[in-house]
């Protein structure tokens, strides 16, 4: 086998081993997160809402406002909420 093949093989092995280590770390972190959610639940917090709060914190204010506006539009179209009354009409 040529030296170039040996180098490529070694690089490939290094990539695979790094990915495997990272996957194991990812699993450990996921387990830790699951434990924290369990802790929060045992303290009386709603984990479903906690996950929503975390997702919202990842977004900037403008993105959240746009999503809220679209959500309200869809809910109004489905009759799930009333359209806001025009303040000029009052």
N, C-alpha and C. Protein backbone atom coordinates (compact mmCIF):
# COMPACT_ATOMS: atom_id res chain seq x y z
N UNK A 1 0.86 -1.18 0.00
CA UNK A 1 0.00 0.00 0.00
C UNK A 1 0.90 1.23 0.00
N UNK A 2 0.54 2.20 -0.81
CA UNK A 2 1.37 3.40 -0.91
C UNK A 2 1.22 4.25 0.34
N UNK A 3 2.18 5.14 0.51
CA UNK A 3 2.18 6.02 1.67
C UNK A 3 0.94 6.93 1.68
N UNK A 4 0.51 7.37 0.48
CA UNK A 4 -0.67 8.24 0.38
C UNK A 4 -1.92 7.52 0.87
N UNK A 5 -2.04 6.23 0.55
CA UNK A 5 -3.19 5.46 1.02
C UNK A 5 -3.16 5.33 2.53
N UNK A 6 -1.98 5.13 3.07
CA UNK A 6 -1.84 5.00 4.52
C UNK A 6 -2.23 6.29 5.24
N UNK A 7 -1.82 7.42 4.67
CA UNK A 7 -2.17 8.72 5.25
C UNK A 7 -3.68 8.93 5.19
N UNK A 8 -4.28 8.64 4.04
CA UNK A 8 -5.73 8.80 3.89
C UNK A 8 -6.47 7.89 4.87
N UNK A 9 -5.98 6.67 5.02
CA UNK A 9 -6.60 5.72 5.95
C UNK A 9 -6.52 6.25 7.38
N UNK A 10 -5.36 6.79 7.75
CA UNK A 10 -5.18 7.33 9.09
C UNK A 10 -6.08 8.54 9.33
N UNK A 11 -6.20 9.40 8.32
CA UNK A 11 -7.08 10.56 8.45
C UNK A 11 -8.53 10.13 8.60
N UNK A 12 -8.93 9.15 7.79
CA UNK A 12 -10.30 8.64 7.85
C UNK A 12 -10.58 8.05 9.23
N UNK A 13 -9.65 7.26 9.74
CA UNK A 13 -9.81 6.65 11.06
C UNK A 13 -9.94 7.75 12.12
N UNK A 14 -9.12 8.80 12.01
CA UNK A 14 -9.17 9.89 12.98
C UNK A 14 -10.53 10.59 12.95
N UNK A 15 -11.06 10.83 11.74
CA UNK A 15 -12.38 11.45 11.63
C UNK A 15 -13.46 10.57 12.26
N UNK A 16 -13.42 9.29 11.95
CA UNK A 16 -14.42 8.36 12.49
C UNK A 16 -14.34 8.33 14.01
N UNK A 17 -13.15 8.27 14.56
CA UNK A 17 -12.99 8.20 16.01
C UNK A 17 -13.44 9.49 16.68
N UNK A 18 -13.16 10.64 16.06
CA UNK A 18 -13.63 11.92 16.61
C UNK A 18 -15.14 11.98 16.62
N UNK A 19 -15.75 11.55 15.52
CA UNK A 19 -17.22 11.55 15.43
C UNK A 19 -17.81 10.63 16.48
N UNK A 20 -17.21 9.45 16.65
CA UNK A 20 -17.70 8.52 17.67
C UNK A 20 -17.62 9.12 19.07
N UNK A 21 -16.53 9.81 19.38
CA UNK A 21 -16.39 10.45 20.69
C UNK A 21 -17.44 11.54 20.87
N UNK A 22 -17.64 12.33 19.83
CA UNK A 22 -18.64 13.40 19.91
C UNK A 22 -20.05 12.84 20.06
N UNK A 23 -20.34 11.74 19.37
CA UNK A 23 -21.65 11.10 19.50
C UNK A 23 -21.86 10.62 20.93
N UNK A 24 -20.83 10.09 21.55
CA UNK A 24 -20.93 9.64 22.94
C UNK A 24 -21.15 10.83 23.87
N UNK A 25 -20.43 11.93 23.62
CA UNK A 25 -20.63 13.14 24.42
C UNK A 25 -22.05 13.67 24.24
N UNK A 26 -22.54 13.62 23.00
CA UNK A 26 -23.90 14.09 22.72
C UNK A 26 -24.92 13.26 23.51
N UNK A 27 -24.71 11.96 23.57
CA UNK A 27 -25.61 11.08 24.32
C UNK A 27 -25.57 11.43 25.81
N UNK A 28 -24.37 11.66 26.32
CA UNK A 28 -24.21 12.02 27.73
C UNK A 28 -24.92 13.34 28.03
N UNK A 29 -24.75 14.32 27.15
CA UNK A 29 -25.41 15.61 27.35
C UNK A 29 -26.92 15.46 27.28
N UNK A 30 -27.41 14.66 26.32
CA UNK A 30 -28.86 14.43 26.21
C UNK A 30 -29.40 13.79 27.49
N UNK A 31 -28.65 12.86 28.05
CA UNK A 31 -29.06 12.23 29.31
C UNK A 31 -29.09 13.25 30.44
N UNK A 32 -28.09 14.14 30.47
CA UNK A 32 -28.04 15.18 31.49
C UNK A 32 -29.24 16.13 31.37
N UNK A 33 -29.57 16.50 30.15
CA UNK A 33 -30.72 17.38 29.92
C UNK A 33 -32.01 16.70 30.38
N UNK A 34 -32.13 15.42 30.07
CA UNK A 34 -33.31 14.65 30.50
C UNK A 34 -33.41 14.65 32.02
N UNK A 35 -32.27 14.51 32.69
CA UNK A 35 -32.26 14.53 34.15
C UNK A 35 -32.71 15.88 34.70
N UNK A 36 -32.28 16.97 34.06
CA UNK A 36 -32.67 18.31 34.51
C UNK A 36 -34.18 18.50 34.33
N UNK A 37 -34.72 18.03 33.21
CA UNK A 37 -36.17 18.11 33.01
C UNK A 37 -36.90 17.30 34.08
N UNK A 38 -36.36 16.14 34.42
CA UNK A 38 -36.96 15.33 35.48
C UNK A 38 -36.94 16.05 36.82
N UNK A 39 -35.84 16.72 37.09
CA UNK A 39 -35.72 17.51 38.32
C UNK A 39 -36.76 18.62 38.35
N UNK A 40 -36.87 19.33 37.23
CA UNK A 40 -37.83 20.43 37.14
C UNK A 40 -39.26 19.90 37.34
N UNK A 41 -39.55 18.76 36.73
CA UNK A 41 -40.88 18.17 36.87
C UNK A 41 -41.16 17.80 38.32
N UNK A 42 -40.16 17.25 39.00
CA UNK A 42 -40.35 16.85 40.39
C UNK A 42 -40.57 18.07 41.30
N UNK A 43 -40.14 19.24 40.84
CA UNK A 43 -40.34 20.48 41.60
C UNK A 43 -41.67 21.16 41.22
N UNK A 44 -42.44 20.52 40.32
CA UNK A 44 -43.76 21.03 39.98
C UNK A 44 -43.82 21.85 38.70
N UNK A 45 -42.71 21.94 37.97
CA UNK A 45 -42.72 22.71 36.73
C UNK A 45 -43.24 21.85 35.58
N UNK A 46 -43.95 22.48 34.66
CA UNK A 46 -44.48 21.81 33.47
C UNK A 46 -43.36 21.75 32.43
N UNK A 47 -42.86 20.55 32.16
CA UNK A 47 -41.71 20.42 31.27
C UNK A 47 -42.05 20.75 29.83
N UNK A 48 -43.28 20.54 29.43
CA UNK A 48 -43.70 20.89 28.07
C UNK A 48 -43.58 22.40 27.87
N UNK A 49 -44.03 23.16 28.85
CA UNK A 49 -43.94 24.62 28.78
C UNK A 49 -42.49 25.06 28.91
N UNK A 50 -41.74 24.39 29.75
CA UNK A 50 -40.32 24.70 29.92
C UNK A 50 -39.57 24.56 28.59
N UNK A 51 -39.90 23.52 27.84
CA UNK A 51 -39.27 23.31 26.53
C UNK A 51 -39.66 24.43 25.56
N UNK A 52 -40.92 24.89 25.64
CA UNK A 52 -41.35 25.99 24.79
C UNK A 52 -40.60 27.27 25.14
N UNK A 53 -40.42 27.51 26.44
CA UNK A 53 -39.69 28.70 26.88
C UNK A 53 -38.26 28.67 26.34
N UNK A 54 -37.63 27.52 26.42
CA UNK A 54 -36.25 27.38 25.94
C UNK A 54 -36.19 27.63 24.43
N UNK A 55 -37.16 27.09 23.70
CA UNK A 55 -37.20 27.31 22.25
C UNK A 55 -37.40 28.79 21.92
N UNK A 56 -38.26 29.46 22.68
CA UNK A 56 -38.50 30.88 22.45
C UNK A 56 -37.26 31.72 22.75
N UNK A 57 -36.51 31.33 23.76
CA UNK A 57 -35.30 32.09 24.11
C UNK A 57 -34.22 31.99 23.04
N UNK A 58 -34.31 30.97 22.21
CA UNK A 58 -33.33 30.81 21.12
C UNK A 58 -33.60 31.77 19.97
N UNK A 59 -34.81 32.32 19.93
CA UNK A 59 -35.22 33.18 18.82
C UNK A 59 -35.10 34.64 19.23
N UNK A 60 -34.84 35.49 18.25
CA UNK A 60 -34.82 36.92 18.57
C UNK A 60 -36.25 37.45 18.61
N UNK A 61 -36.40 38.64 19.15
CA UNK A 61 -37.74 39.21 19.36
C UNK A 61 -38.52 39.35 18.06
N UNK A 62 -37.86 39.79 17.00
CA UNK A 62 -38.53 39.98 15.72
C UNK A 62 -39.09 38.65 15.19
N UNK A 63 -38.29 37.61 15.28
CA UNK A 63 -38.72 36.28 14.82
C UNK A 63 -39.93 35.80 15.63
N UNK A 64 -39.89 35.99 16.95
CA UNK A 64 -41.02 35.59 17.80
C UNK A 64 -42.28 36.37 17.43
N UNK A 65 -42.13 37.68 17.20
CA UNK A 65 -43.29 38.50 16.85
C UNK A 65 -43.91 38.06 15.52
N UNK A 66 -43.07 37.75 14.54
CA UNK A 66 -43.57 37.29 13.25
C UNK A 66 -44.33 35.98 13.40
N UNK A 67 -43.77 35.04 14.17
CA UNK A 67 -44.44 33.76 14.38
C UNK A 67 -45.76 33.94 15.12
N UNK A 68 -45.78 34.81 16.12
CA UNK A 68 -47.02 35.07 16.86
C UNK A 68 -48.09 35.65 15.95
N UNK A 69 -47.69 36.56 15.07
CA UNK A 69 -48.64 37.17 14.14
C UNK A 69 -49.23 36.13 13.19
N UNK A 70 -48.38 35.27 12.66
CA UNK A 70 -48.85 34.20 11.76
C UNK A 70 -49.75 33.23 12.51
N UNK A 71 -49.35 32.86 13.73
CA UNK A 71 -50.16 31.96 14.54
C UNK A 71 -51.54 32.56 14.80
N UNK A 72 -51.59 33.84 15.18
CA UNK A 72 -52.88 34.49 15.41
C UNK A 72 -53.73 34.51 14.15
N UNK A 73 -53.10 34.75 13.01
CA UNK A 73 -53.83 34.75 11.74
C UNK A 73 -54.46 33.39 11.48
N UNK A 74 -53.70 32.33 11.68
CA UNK A 74 -54.22 30.97 11.47
C UNK A 74 -55.34 30.66 12.45
N UNK A 75 -55.14 31.01 13.72
CA UNK A 75 -56.16 30.73 14.73
C UNK A 75 -57.45 31.49 14.44
N UNK A 76 -57.33 32.73 13.97
CA UNK A 76 -58.52 33.51 13.60
C UNK A 76 -59.22 32.86 12.41
N UNK A 77 -58.46 32.42 11.43
CA UNK A 77 -59.04 31.79 10.25
C UNK A 77 -59.80 30.52 10.61
N UNK A 78 -59.35 29.83 11.64
CA UNK A 78 -60.01 28.60 12.07
C UNK A 78 -61.10 28.85 13.12
N UNK A 79 -61.30 30.11 13.47
CA UNK A 79 -62.33 30.44 14.45
C UNK A 79 -61.95 30.08 15.87
N UNK A 80 -60.68 29.89 16.12
CA UNK A 80 -60.24 29.49 17.46
C UNK A 80 -60.05 30.71 18.37
N UNK A 81 -59.84 31.87 17.78
CA UNK A 81 -59.79 33.13 18.52
C UNK A 81 -60.50 34.19 17.69
N UNK A 82 -60.98 35.23 18.38
CA UNK A 82 -61.65 36.31 17.67
C UNK A 82 -60.62 37.29 17.14
N UNK A 83 -60.96 37.89 16.01
CA UNK A 83 -60.09 38.92 15.45
C UNK A 83 -60.14 40.13 16.37
N UNK A 84 -59.03 40.81 16.55
CA UNK A 84 -59.04 42.00 17.41
C UNK A 84 -59.96 43.07 16.82
N UNK A 85 -60.69 43.75 17.70
CA UNK A 85 -61.60 44.81 17.26
C UNK A 85 -60.78 46.03 16.87
N UNK A 86 -61.20 46.68 15.79
CA UNK A 86 -60.54 47.90 15.33
C UNK A 86 -60.80 48.99 16.36
N UNK A 87 -59.77 49.63 16.88
CA UNK A 87 -59.94 50.66 17.90
C UNK A 87 -60.64 51.89 17.35
N UNK A 88 -60.51 52.14 16.05
CA UNK A 88 -61.18 53.29 15.44
C UNK A 88 -62.70 53.09 15.39
N UNK A 89 -63.14 51.84 15.36
CA UNK A 89 -64.57 51.53 15.26
C UNK A 89 -65.27 51.76 16.59
N UNK A 90 -64.54 51.84 17.68
CA UNK A 90 -65.15 51.96 19.00
C UNK A 90 -65.68 53.32 19.29
